[in-house]
């Protein structure tokens, strides 16, 4: 609806600031957060999801594997605050068309869980999101722009850099090694 709020930002370091939620609203949902040096021009749009119950918030910081075929085991780390009673799921949202796949997950520690990449046959980049409430809500909201990326490939060898042709490199020096 275009409603906006301006709140003070406290510098934490040369690369980070801290902002408080606007006190004059209790609205929930996704919001665009921008930063200003002069209070007039704003830039650097960051998607942020406001919720009433922060226990369902998940902040993913890393995944153990960022490329693989369907059914690859992934360890997801972040601010999860798991206590063992949650119904955990991982969601993969393909960036090209928004197609989603969901797989079950298991808690490993209070800040990490294990899930298998969805057993799909298609390829492409997918955003990874986690649900701690049996799929009612996922980290990253709609999954279109927040969360680490997992690249689905048809052949696991596509995850690695190609092996250079050593013969071509030595040919420049006048020697060819068979």
N, C-alpha and C. Protein backbone atom coordinates (compact mmCIF):
# COMPACT_ATOMS: atom_id res chain seq x y z
N UNK A 1 0.81 -1.19 0.00
CA UNK A 1 0.00 0.00 0.00
C UNK A 1 0.86 1.26 0.00
N UNK A 2 2.18 1.13 -0.10
CA UNK A 2 3.06 2.29 -0.20
C UNK A 2 3.38 2.96 1.11
N UNK A 3 2.91 2.44 2.24
CA UNK A 3 3.19 3.04 3.53
C UNK A 3 4.68 2.90 3.84
N UNK A 4 5.31 3.98 4.35
CA UNK A 4 6.73 3.90 4.68
C UNK A 4 6.99 4.53 6.03
N UNK A 5 8.07 4.07 6.66
CA UNK A 5 8.48 4.56 7.97
C UNK A 5 9.97 4.81 7.93
N UNK A 6 10.42 5.84 8.61
CA UNK A 6 11.85 6.13 8.72
C UNK A 6 12.23 5.97 10.18
N UNK A 7 13.29 5.19 10.41
CA UNK A 7 13.80 4.97 11.77
C UNK A 7 15.30 5.25 11.77
N UNK A 8 15.86 5.62 12.93
CA UNK A 8 17.30 5.87 12.99
C UNK A 8 18.08 4.57 12.79
N UNK A 9 19.27 4.71 12.23
CA UNK A 9 20.18 3.57 12.03
C UNK A 9 21.44 3.82 12.85
N UNK A 10 21.85 2.81 13.61
CA UNK A 10 23.07 2.91 14.41
C UNK A 10 24.18 2.14 13.72
N UNK A 11 25.33 2.80 13.44
CA UNK A 11 26.43 2.07 12.82
C UNK A 11 27.02 1.04 13.79
N UNK A 12 27.25 -0.15 13.29
CA UNK A 12 27.89 -1.21 14.08
C UNK A 12 29.34 -1.34 13.66
N UNK A 13 29.58 -1.25 12.36
CA UNK A 13 30.93 -1.29 11.80
C UNK A 13 30.90 -0.52 10.49
N UNK A 14 32.01 -0.56 9.76
CA UNK A 14 32.05 0.10 8.47
C UNK A 14 31.17 -0.57 7.43
N UNK A 15 30.68 -1.78 7.73
CA UNK A 15 29.88 -2.53 6.78
C UNK A 15 28.49 -2.89 7.29
N UNK A 16 28.15 -2.53 8.52
CA UNK A 16 26.87 -2.96 9.08
C UNK A 16 26.23 -1.84 9.91
N UNK A 17 24.90 -1.82 9.87
CA UNK A 17 24.12 -0.90 10.70
C UNK A 17 23.03 -1.68 11.41
N UNK A 18 22.44 -1.08 12.44
CA UNK A 18 21.34 -1.70 13.18
C UNK A 18 20.15 -0.76 13.17
N UNK A 19 19.00 -1.30 12.81
CA UNK A 19 17.75 -0.52 12.80
C UNK A 19 16.72 -1.24 13.66
N UNK A 20 15.85 -0.48 14.30
CA UNK A 20 14.75 -1.04 15.07
C UNK A 20 13.50 -1.07 14.20
N UNK A 21 12.62 -2.00 14.50
CA UNK A 21 11.32 -2.02 13.82
C UNK A 21 10.58 -0.74 14.15
N UNK A 22 9.90 -0.15 13.19
CA UNK A 22 9.14 1.07 13.49
C UNK A 22 8.15 0.81 14.63
N UNK A 23 8.15 1.66 15.65
CA UNK A 23 7.31 1.44 16.83
C UNK A 23 5.85 1.79 16.57
N UNK A 24 5.57 2.52 15.50
CA UNK A 24 4.21 2.95 15.25
C UNK A 24 3.44 2.01 14.31
N UNK A 25 3.92 0.76 14.16
CA UNK A 25 3.19 -0.20 13.34
C UNK A 25 3.35 -1.60 13.91
N UNK A 26 2.33 -2.40 13.72
CA UNK A 26 2.42 -3.82 14.11
C UNK A 26 2.16 -4.69 12.89
N UNK A 27 2.26 -4.10 11.71
CA UNK A 27 2.01 -4.83 10.48
C UNK A 27 3.03 -5.93 10.29
N UNK A 28 2.62 -6.98 9.58
CA UNK A 28 3.51 -8.07 9.25
C UNK A 28 3.60 -8.18 7.72
N UNK A 29 4.60 -8.91 7.27
CA UNK A 29 4.75 -9.11 5.83
C UNK A 29 6.10 -8.64 5.35
N UNK A 30 6.31 -8.74 4.05
CA UNK A 30 7.58 -8.35 3.45
C UNK A 30 7.64 -6.84 3.28
N UNK A 31 8.83 -6.28 3.52
CA UNK A 31 9.04 -4.84 3.37
C UNK A 31 10.39 -4.61 2.71
N UNK A 32 10.48 -3.55 1.95
CA UNK A 32 11.73 -3.14 1.35
C UNK A 32 12.42 -2.21 2.33
N UNK A 33 13.64 -2.56 2.75
CA UNK A 33 14.40 -1.75 3.69
C UNK A 33 15.51 -1.06 2.90
N UNK A 34 15.56 0.26 3.01
CA UNK A 34 16.57 1.05 2.31
C UNK A 34 17.31 1.92 3.32
N UNK A 35 18.51 2.35 2.95
CA UNK A 35 19.36 3.13 3.84
C UNK A 35 19.65 4.49 3.20
N UNK A 36 19.74 5.52 4.06
CA UNK A 36 20.04 6.87 3.59
C UNK A 36 21.13 7.48 4.45
N UNK A 37 22.00 8.26 3.82
CA UNK A 37 23.01 9.02 4.57
C UNK A 37 22.49 10.40 4.96
N UNK A 38 21.58 10.94 4.14
CA UNK A 38 21.12 12.30 4.37
C UNK A 38 19.64 12.41 4.75
N UNK A 39 18.92 11.30 4.81
CA UNK A 39 17.51 11.32 5.17
C UNK A 39 16.59 11.68 4.03
N UNK A 40 17.14 11.94 2.84
CA UNK A 40 16.31 12.32 1.68
C UNK A 40 16.39 11.28 0.56
N UNK A 41 17.57 10.82 0.23
CA UNK A 41 17.71 9.83 -0.84
C UNK A 41 18.06 8.48 -0.22
N UNK A 42 17.31 7.46 -0.64
CA UNK A 42 17.45 6.14 -0.08
C UNK A 42 17.88 5.16 -1.17
N UNK A 43 18.68 4.15 -0.78
CA UNK A 43 19.17 3.17 -1.76
C UNK A 43 19.45 1.85 -1.06
N UNK A 44 19.74 0.84 -1.87
CA UNK A 44 20.18 -0.46 -1.33
C UNK A 44 19.04 -1.33 -0.87
N UNK A 45 17.98 -1.46 -1.64
CA UNK A 45 16.81 -2.22 -1.23
C UNK A 45 17.11 -3.64 -0.77
N UNK A 46 16.68 -3.96 0.43
CA UNK A 46 16.84 -5.28 1.02
C UNK A 46 15.46 -5.77 1.44
N UNK A 47 15.10 -6.98 1.06
CA UNK A 47 13.82 -7.54 1.47
C UNK A 47 13.90 -8.00 2.92
N UNK A 48 12.93 -7.64 3.72
CA UNK A 48 12.88 -8.06 5.12
C UNK A 48 11.46 -8.48 5.43
N UNK A 49 11.31 -9.57 6.19
CA UNK A 49 9.97 -10.08 6.52
C UNK A 49 9.68 -9.79 7.98
N UNK A 50 8.64 -8.98 8.25
CA UNK A 50 8.19 -8.69 9.61
C UNK A 50 7.17 -9.74 10.02
N UNK A 51 7.34 -10.30 11.21
CA UNK A 51 6.43 -11.31 11.73
C UNK A 51 6.06 -10.97 13.17
N UNK A 52 4.97 -11.55 13.65
CA UNK A 52 4.59 -11.36 15.05
C UNK A 52 5.28 -12.36 15.96
N UNK A 53 5.54 -13.57 15.47
CA UNK A 53 6.14 -14.61 16.28
C UNK A 53 7.53 -14.94 15.72
N UNK A 54 8.57 -14.41 16.34
CA UNK A 54 9.93 -14.58 15.83
C UNK A 54 10.44 -16.01 15.99
N UNK A 55 9.75 -16.86 16.74
CA UNK A 55 10.23 -18.24 16.91
C UNK A 55 10.15 -19.01 15.59
N UNK A 56 9.32 -18.57 14.66
CA UNK A 56 9.24 -19.22 13.36
C UNK A 56 10.18 -18.62 12.33
N UNK A 57 11.00 -17.64 12.74
CA UNK A 57 11.94 -17.03 11.81
C UNK A 57 13.19 -17.88 11.70
N UNK A 58 13.67 -17.99 10.50
CA UNK A 58 14.88 -18.75 10.24
C UNK A 58 15.78 -17.88 9.38
N UNK A 59 17.02 -17.72 9.81
CA UNK A 59 17.99 -16.95 9.05
C UNK A 59 19.07 -17.90 8.58
N UNK A 60 19.03 -18.28 7.31
CA UNK A 60 20.01 -19.21 6.77
C UNK A 60 21.31 -18.49 6.49
N UNK A 61 22.40 -19.06 6.96
CA UNK A 61 23.71 -18.45 6.73
C UNK A 61 24.55 -19.24 5.75
N UNK A 62 24.35 -20.54 5.62
CA UNK A 62 25.18 -21.34 4.71
C UNK A 62 24.54 -22.69 4.45
N UNK A 63 24.87 -23.25 3.30
CA UNK A 63 24.54 -24.64 3.02
C UNK A 63 25.84 -25.35 2.69
N UNK A 64 25.92 -26.64 3.03
CA UNK A 64 27.18 -27.37 2.90
C UNK A 64 27.54 -27.67 1.46
N UNK A 65 26.56 -27.85 0.61
CA UNK A 65 26.77 -28.18 -0.79
C UNK A 65 25.89 -27.25 -1.60
N UNK A 66 26.45 -26.62 -2.63
CA UNK A 66 25.62 -25.69 -3.40
C UNK A 66 25.34 -26.18 -4.81
N UNK A 67 25.68 -27.43 -5.10
CA UNK A 67 25.44 -27.96 -6.43
C UNK A 67 25.33 -29.48 -6.34
N UNK A 68 24.42 -30.06 -7.13
CA UNK A 68 24.29 -31.52 -7.15
C UNK A 68 23.09 -31.95 -7.96
N UNK A 69 22.93 -33.24 -8.03
CA UNK A 69 21.77 -33.80 -8.71
C UNK A 69 20.62 -33.86 -7.71
N UNK A 70 19.45 -34.25 -8.16
CA UNK A 70 18.35 -34.45 -7.23
C UNK A 70 18.75 -35.49 -6.21
N UNK A 71 18.26 -35.37 -4.99
CA UNK A 71 18.53 -36.29 -3.89
C UNK A 71 19.95 -36.17 -3.33
N UNK A 72 20.52 -34.95 -3.35
CA UNK A 72 21.82 -34.67 -2.74
C UNK A 72 21.60 -34.24 -1.30
N UNK A 73 22.40 -34.75 -0.35
CA UNK A 73 22.28 -34.35 1.05
C UNK A 73 22.89 -32.97 1.24
N UNK A 74 22.14 -32.10 1.92
CA UNK A 74 22.58 -30.73 2.19
C UNK A 74 22.46 -30.48 3.70
N UNK A 75 23.49 -29.87 4.27
CA UNK A 75 23.43 -29.42 5.67
C UNK A 75 23.18 -27.91 5.62
N UNK A 76 22.11 -27.47 6.27
CA UNK A 76 21.73 -26.06 6.30
C UNK A 76 22.07 -25.51 7.68
N UNK A 77 22.80 -24.41 7.71
CA UNK A 77 23.18 -23.76 8.96
C UNK A 77 22.59 -22.37 9.03
N UNK A 78 22.33 -21.91 10.25
CA UNK A 78 21.82 -20.56 10.42
C UNK A 78 21.25 -20.36 11.80
N UNK A 79 20.53 -19.26 11.95
CA UNK A 79 19.85 -18.94 13.21
C UNK A 79 18.52 -19.66 13.19
N UNK A 80 18.52 -20.91 13.59
CA UNK A 80 17.33 -21.74 13.49
C UNK A 80 16.60 -21.89 14.82
N UNK A 81 17.33 -21.89 15.94
CA UNK A 81 16.74 -22.05 17.27
C UNK A 81 15.85 -23.30 17.35
N UNK A 82 16.39 -24.43 16.95
CA UNK A 82 15.62 -25.67 16.95
C UNK A 82 15.64 -26.31 18.34
N UNK A 83 14.50 -26.89 18.73
CA UNK A 83 14.45 -27.58 20.02
C UNK A 83 14.09 -29.06 19.87
N UNK A 84 13.89 -29.53 18.65
CA UNK A 84 13.61 -30.94 18.41
C UNK A 84 12.16 -31.28 18.20
N UNK A 85 11.25 -30.34 18.45
CA UNK A 85 9.82 -30.61 18.30
C UNK A 85 9.26 -30.13 16.96
N UNK A 86 10.08 -29.48 16.16
CA UNK A 86 9.59 -28.88 14.92
C UNK A 86 9.37 -29.92 13.82
N UNK A 87 8.48 -29.59 12.92
CA UNK A 87 8.27 -30.37 11.70
C UNK A 87 9.04 -29.62 10.61
N UNK A 88 10.21 -30.14 10.25
CA UNK A 88 11.14 -29.41 9.39
C UNK A 88 10.98 -29.78 7.92
N UNK A 89 11.09 -28.78 7.06
CA UNK A 89 11.05 -29.00 5.62
C UNK A 89 12.02 -28.04 4.94
N UNK A 90 12.53 -28.46 3.79
CA UNK A 90 13.32 -27.59 2.92
C UNK A 90 12.53 -27.38 1.64
N UNK A 91 12.57 -26.15 1.16
CA UNK A 91 11.88 -25.83 -0.09
C UNK A 91 12.90 -25.31 -1.09
N UNK A 92 12.76 -25.74 -2.33
CA UNK A 92 13.63 -25.31 -3.42
C UNK A 92 12.74 -24.58 -4.43
N UNK A 93 13.05 -23.31 -4.68
CA UNK A 93 12.27 -22.50 -5.62
C UNK A 93 13.18 -22.14 -6.79
N UNK A 94 12.85 -22.64 -7.97
CA UNK A 94 13.67 -22.36 -9.15
C UNK A 94 13.53 -20.90 -9.55
N UNK A 95 14.69 -20.27 -9.81
CA UNK A 95 14.71 -18.85 -10.11
C UNK A 95 14.08 -18.52 -11.47
N UNK A 96 14.15 -19.44 -12.42
CA UNK A 96 13.67 -19.11 -13.76
C UNK A 96 12.15 -19.09 -13.89
N UNK A 97 11.43 -19.93 -13.12
CA UNK A 97 9.97 -19.95 -13.30
C UNK A 97 9.19 -20.05 -11.98
N UNK A 98 9.86 -20.02 -10.84
CA UNK A 98 9.17 -20.07 -9.56
C UNK A 98 8.66 -21.43 -9.15
N UNK A 99 8.97 -22.47 -9.93
CA UNK A 99 8.53 -23.83 -9.61
C UNK A 99 9.17 -24.25 -8.28
N UNK A 100 8.38 -24.88 -7.40
CA UNK A 100 8.89 -25.26 -6.09
C UNK A 100 8.79 -26.77 -5.86
N UNK A 101 9.74 -27.26 -5.05
CA UNK A 101 9.75 -28.64 -4.60
C UNK A 101 10.08 -28.62 -3.11
N UNK A 102 9.46 -29.52 -2.36
CA UNK A 102 9.65 -29.56 -0.91
C UNK A 102 10.13 -30.94 -0.51
N UNK A 103 11.09 -30.97 0.44
CA UNK A 103 11.56 -32.24 0.99
C UNK A 103 11.59 -32.13 2.51
N UNK A 104 11.52 -33.27 3.20
CA UNK A 104 11.59 -33.28 4.66
C UNK A 104 13.01 -33.03 5.11
N UNK A 105 13.16 -32.57 6.35
CA UNK A 105 14.47 -32.28 6.92
C UNK A 105 14.55 -32.85 8.33
N UNK A 106 15.79 -33.08 8.80
CA UNK A 106 16.05 -33.58 10.15
C UNK A 106 16.96 -32.61 10.88
N UNK A 107 16.65 -32.34 12.16
CA UNK A 107 17.50 -31.47 12.96
C UNK A 107 18.78 -32.22 13.33
N UNK A 108 19.92 -31.54 13.19
CA UNK A 108 21.20 -32.09 13.62
C UNK A 108 21.63 -31.46 14.93
N UNK A 109 21.55 -30.14 15.00
CA UNK A 109 21.83 -29.38 16.21
C UNK A 109 20.78 -28.27 16.30
N UNK A 110 20.88 -27.39 17.28
CA UNK A 110 19.91 -26.30 17.37
C UNK A 110 20.11 -25.27 16.27
N UNK A 111 21.23 -25.34 15.55
CA UNK A 111 21.47 -24.36 14.49
C UNK A 111 21.77 -25.00 13.13
N UNK A 112 21.53 -26.29 12.99
CA UNK A 112 21.73 -26.91 11.68
C UNK A 112 20.75 -28.05 11.46
N UNK A 113 20.44 -28.27 10.20
CA UNK A 113 19.55 -29.37 9.84
C UNK A 113 20.03 -30.00 8.54
N UNK A 114 19.54 -31.21 8.31
CA UNK A 114 19.91 -31.96 7.11
C UNK A 114 18.67 -32.15 6.27
N UNK A 115 18.81 -31.85 4.99
CA UNK A 115 17.73 -32.16 4.06
C UNK A 115 18.35 -32.69 2.78
N UNK A 116 17.55 -33.38 2.02
CA UNK A 116 18.01 -33.87 0.72
C UNK A 116 17.40 -32.97 -0.32
N UNK A 117 18.21 -32.64 -1.32
CA UNK A 117 17.65 -31.82 -2.39
C UNK A 117 16.49 -32.59 -3.00
N UNK A 118 15.49 -31.88 -3.42
CA UNK A 118 14.32 -32.52 -3.99
C UNK A 118 14.74 -33.43 -5.14
N UNK A 119 14.12 -34.58 -5.25
CA UNK A 119 14.45 -35.55 -6.29
C UNK A 119 13.77 -35.14 -7.58
N UNK A 120 14.38 -34.16 -8.25
CA UNK A 120 13.82 -33.64 -9.49
C UNK A 120 14.78 -33.95 -10.64
N UNK A 121 14.24 -33.95 -11.84
CA UNK A 121 15.07 -34.25 -13.01
C UNK A 121 15.45 -32.99 -13.78
N UNK A 122 14.92 -31.85 -13.41
CA UNK A 122 15.25 -30.62 -14.13
C UNK A 122 16.53 -30.01 -13.60
N UNK A 123 17.09 -29.06 -14.32
CA UNK A 123 18.31 -28.40 -13.92
C UNK A 123 18.06 -26.91 -13.75
N UNK A 124 18.96 -26.24 -13.04
CA UNK A 124 18.87 -24.80 -12.85
C UNK A 124 19.11 -24.41 -11.41
N UNK A 125 19.14 -23.10 -11.17
CA UNK A 125 19.37 -22.57 -9.83
C UNK A 125 18.06 -22.48 -9.05
N UNK A 126 18.10 -22.92 -7.79
CA UNK A 126 16.93 -22.86 -6.93
C UNK A 126 17.32 -22.24 -5.59
N UNK A 127 16.49 -21.36 -5.06
CA UNK A 127 16.70 -20.79 -3.73
C UNK A 127 16.26 -21.82 -2.69
N UNK A 128 17.06 -21.95 -1.63
CA UNK A 128 16.75 -22.88 -0.54
C UNK A 128 16.10 -22.10 0.59
N UNK A 129 14.97 -22.60 1.09
CA UNK A 129 14.29 -22.01 2.24
C UNK A 129 13.93 -23.13 3.20
N UNK A 130 13.76 -22.79 4.47
CA UNK A 130 13.48 -23.78 5.50
C UNK A 130 12.21 -23.42 6.24
N UNK A 131 11.42 -24.44 6.59
CA UNK A 131 10.24 -24.25 7.42
C UNK A 131 10.44 -25.03 8.72
N UNK A 132 10.10 -24.39 9.83
CA UNK A 132 10.16 -25.07 11.13
C UNK A 132 8.76 -25.35 11.65
N UNK A 133 7.73 -25.06 10.82
CA UNK A 133 6.35 -25.24 11.27
C UNK A 133 5.54 -26.06 10.26
N UNK A 134 6.15 -27.11 9.73
CA UNK A 134 5.49 -28.04 8.82
C UNK A 134 4.96 -27.37 7.55
N UNK A 135 5.72 -26.40 7.06
CA UNK A 135 5.37 -25.77 5.79
C UNK A 135 4.39 -24.63 5.86
N UNK A 136 4.00 -24.20 7.06
CA UNK A 136 3.09 -23.06 7.19
C UNK A 136 3.79 -21.80 6.69
N UNK A 137 5.06 -21.61 7.09
CA UNK A 137 5.85 -20.47 6.61
C UNK A 137 7.28 -20.93 6.36
N UNK A 138 7.95 -20.24 5.48
CA UNK A 138 9.33 -20.57 5.12
C UNK A 138 10.21 -19.35 5.27
N UNK A 139 11.49 -19.60 5.58
CA UNK A 139 12.46 -18.50 5.59
C UNK A 139 12.47 -17.88 4.21
N UNK A 140 12.63 -16.58 4.14
CA UNK A 140 12.67 -15.92 2.85
C UNK A 140 11.31 -15.62 2.27
N UNK A 141 10.24 -15.83 2.99
CA UNK A 141 8.91 -15.48 2.47
C UNK A 141 8.54 -16.27 1.24
N UNK A 142 8.36 -15.58 0.11
CA UNK A 142 7.91 -16.26 -1.11
C UNK A 142 9.02 -17.03 -1.81
N UNK A 143 10.28 -16.89 -1.33
CA UNK A 143 11.37 -17.68 -1.89
C UNK A 143 11.96 -17.16 -3.17
N UNK A 144 11.52 -16.03 -3.65
CA UNK A 144 11.98 -15.56 -4.95
C UNK A 144 13.31 -14.83 -4.90
N UNK A 145 13.70 -14.27 -3.76
CA UNK A 145 14.92 -13.47 -3.78
C UNK A 145 15.80 -13.62 -2.53
N UNK A 146 15.40 -14.43 -1.58
CA UNK A 146 16.18 -14.56 -0.35
C UNK A 146 16.55 -16.02 -0.14
N UNK A 147 17.75 -16.26 0.33
CA UNK A 147 18.19 -17.61 0.64
C UNK A 147 19.33 -18.06 -0.25
N UNK A 148 20.11 -19.01 0.25
CA UNK A 148 21.22 -19.52 -0.54
C UNK A 148 20.73 -20.26 -1.77
N UNK A 149 21.58 -20.35 -2.77
CA UNK A 149 21.22 -20.99 -4.03
C UNK A 149 21.83 -22.38 -4.11
N UNK A 150 21.02 -23.35 -4.54
CA UNK A 150 21.48 -24.70 -4.86
C UNK A 150 21.30 -24.88 -6.35
N UNK A 151 22.35 -25.33 -7.03
CA UNK A 151 22.28 -25.54 -8.49
C UNK A 151 22.04 -27.00 -8.78
N UNK A 152 20.89 -27.30 -9.37
CA UNK A 152 20.56 -28.66 -9.80
C UNK A 152 21.20 -28.93 -11.15
N UNK A 153 21.91 -30.05 -11.25
CA UNK A 153 22.55 -30.46 -12.50
C UNK A 153 22.13 -31.89 -12.82
N UNK A 154 22.26 -32.28 -14.08
CA UNK A 154 21.91 -33.65 -14.47
C UNK A 154 23.07 -34.60 -14.26
N UNK A 155 24.30 -34.09 -14.25
CA UNK A 155 25.51 -34.90 -14.06
C UNK A 155 26.35 -34.21 -12.99
N UNK A 156 26.72 -34.92 -11.94
CA UNK A 156 27.47 -34.34 -10.82
C UNK A 156 28.77 -33.70 -11.28
N UNK A 157 29.33 -34.17 -12.38
CA UNK A 157 30.58 -33.58 -12.90
C UNK A 157 30.38 -32.15 -13.36
N UNK A 158 29.15 -31.75 -13.64
CA UNK A 158 28.87 -30.37 -14.03
C UNK A 158 29.04 -29.39 -12.88
N UNK A 159 29.19 -29.90 -11.66
CA UNK A 159 29.40 -29.03 -10.49
C UNK A 159 30.84 -28.57 -10.36
N UNK A 160 31.74 -29.20 -11.06
CA UNK A 160 33.15 -28.90 -10.90
C UNK A 160 33.67 -28.16 -12.11
N UNK A 161 34.73 -27.37 -11.90
CA UNK A 161 35.35 -26.66 -13.01
C UNK A 161 35.91 -27.68 -13.99
N UNK A 162 35.89 -27.35 -15.28
CA UNK A 162 36.44 -28.29 -16.26
C UNK A 162 37.94 -28.47 -16.05
N UNK A 163 38.43 -29.66 -16.35
CA UNK A 163 39.85 -29.94 -16.24
C UNK A 163 40.54 -29.28 -17.43
N UNK A 164 41.57 -28.46 -17.17
CA UNK A 164 42.22 -27.78 -18.29
C UNK A 164 42.96 -28.78 -19.17
N UNK A 165 43.07 -28.45 -20.44
CA UNK A 165 43.79 -29.29 -21.39
C UNK A 165 45.28 -28.97 -21.23
N UNK A 166 45.99 -29.84 -20.52
CA UNK A 166 47.40 -29.61 -20.22
C UNK A 166 48.22 -29.57 -21.50
N UNK A 167 47.86 -30.33 -22.50
CA UNK A 167 48.62 -30.35 -23.75
C UNK A 167 48.66 -28.98 -24.39
N UNK A 168 47.55 -28.25 -24.33
CA UNK A 168 47.52 -26.93 -24.95
C UNK A 168 48.46 -25.97 -24.22
N UNK A 169 48.52 -26.05 -22.91
CA UNK A 169 49.39 -25.16 -22.15
C UNK A 169 50.86 -25.43 -22.47
N UNK A 170 51.26 -26.69 -22.58
CA UNK A 170 52.65 -27.01 -22.87
C UNK A 170 53.00 -26.75 -24.32
N UNK A 171 52.03 -26.77 -25.21
CA UNK A 171 52.30 -26.51 -26.62
C UNK A 171 52.85 -25.11 -26.83
N UNK A 172 52.48 -24.17 -25.95
CA UNK A 172 52.98 -22.81 -26.05
C UNK A 172 54.47 -22.74 -25.79
N UNK A 173 55.00 -23.71 -25.10
CA UNK A 173 56.42 -23.73 -24.76
C UNK A 173 57.22 -24.66 -25.65
N UNK A 174 56.62 -25.17 -26.70
CA UNK A 174 57.34 -25.99 -27.64
C UNK A 174 57.41 -27.47 -27.28
N UNK A 175 56.70 -27.89 -26.24
CA UNK A 175 56.71 -29.30 -25.86
C UNK A 175 55.26 -29.78 -25.77
N UNK A 176 55.01 -30.94 -26.33
CA UNK A 176 53.69 -31.52 -26.25
C UNK A 176 53.79 -32.80 -25.45
N UNK A 177 53.02 -32.93 -24.42
CA UNK A 177 53.03 -34.14 -23.58
C UNK A 177 51.80 -34.96 -23.92
N UNK A 178 52.01 -36.19 -24.35
CA UNK A 178 50.85 -37.01 -24.73
C UNK A 178 49.98 -37.39 -23.56
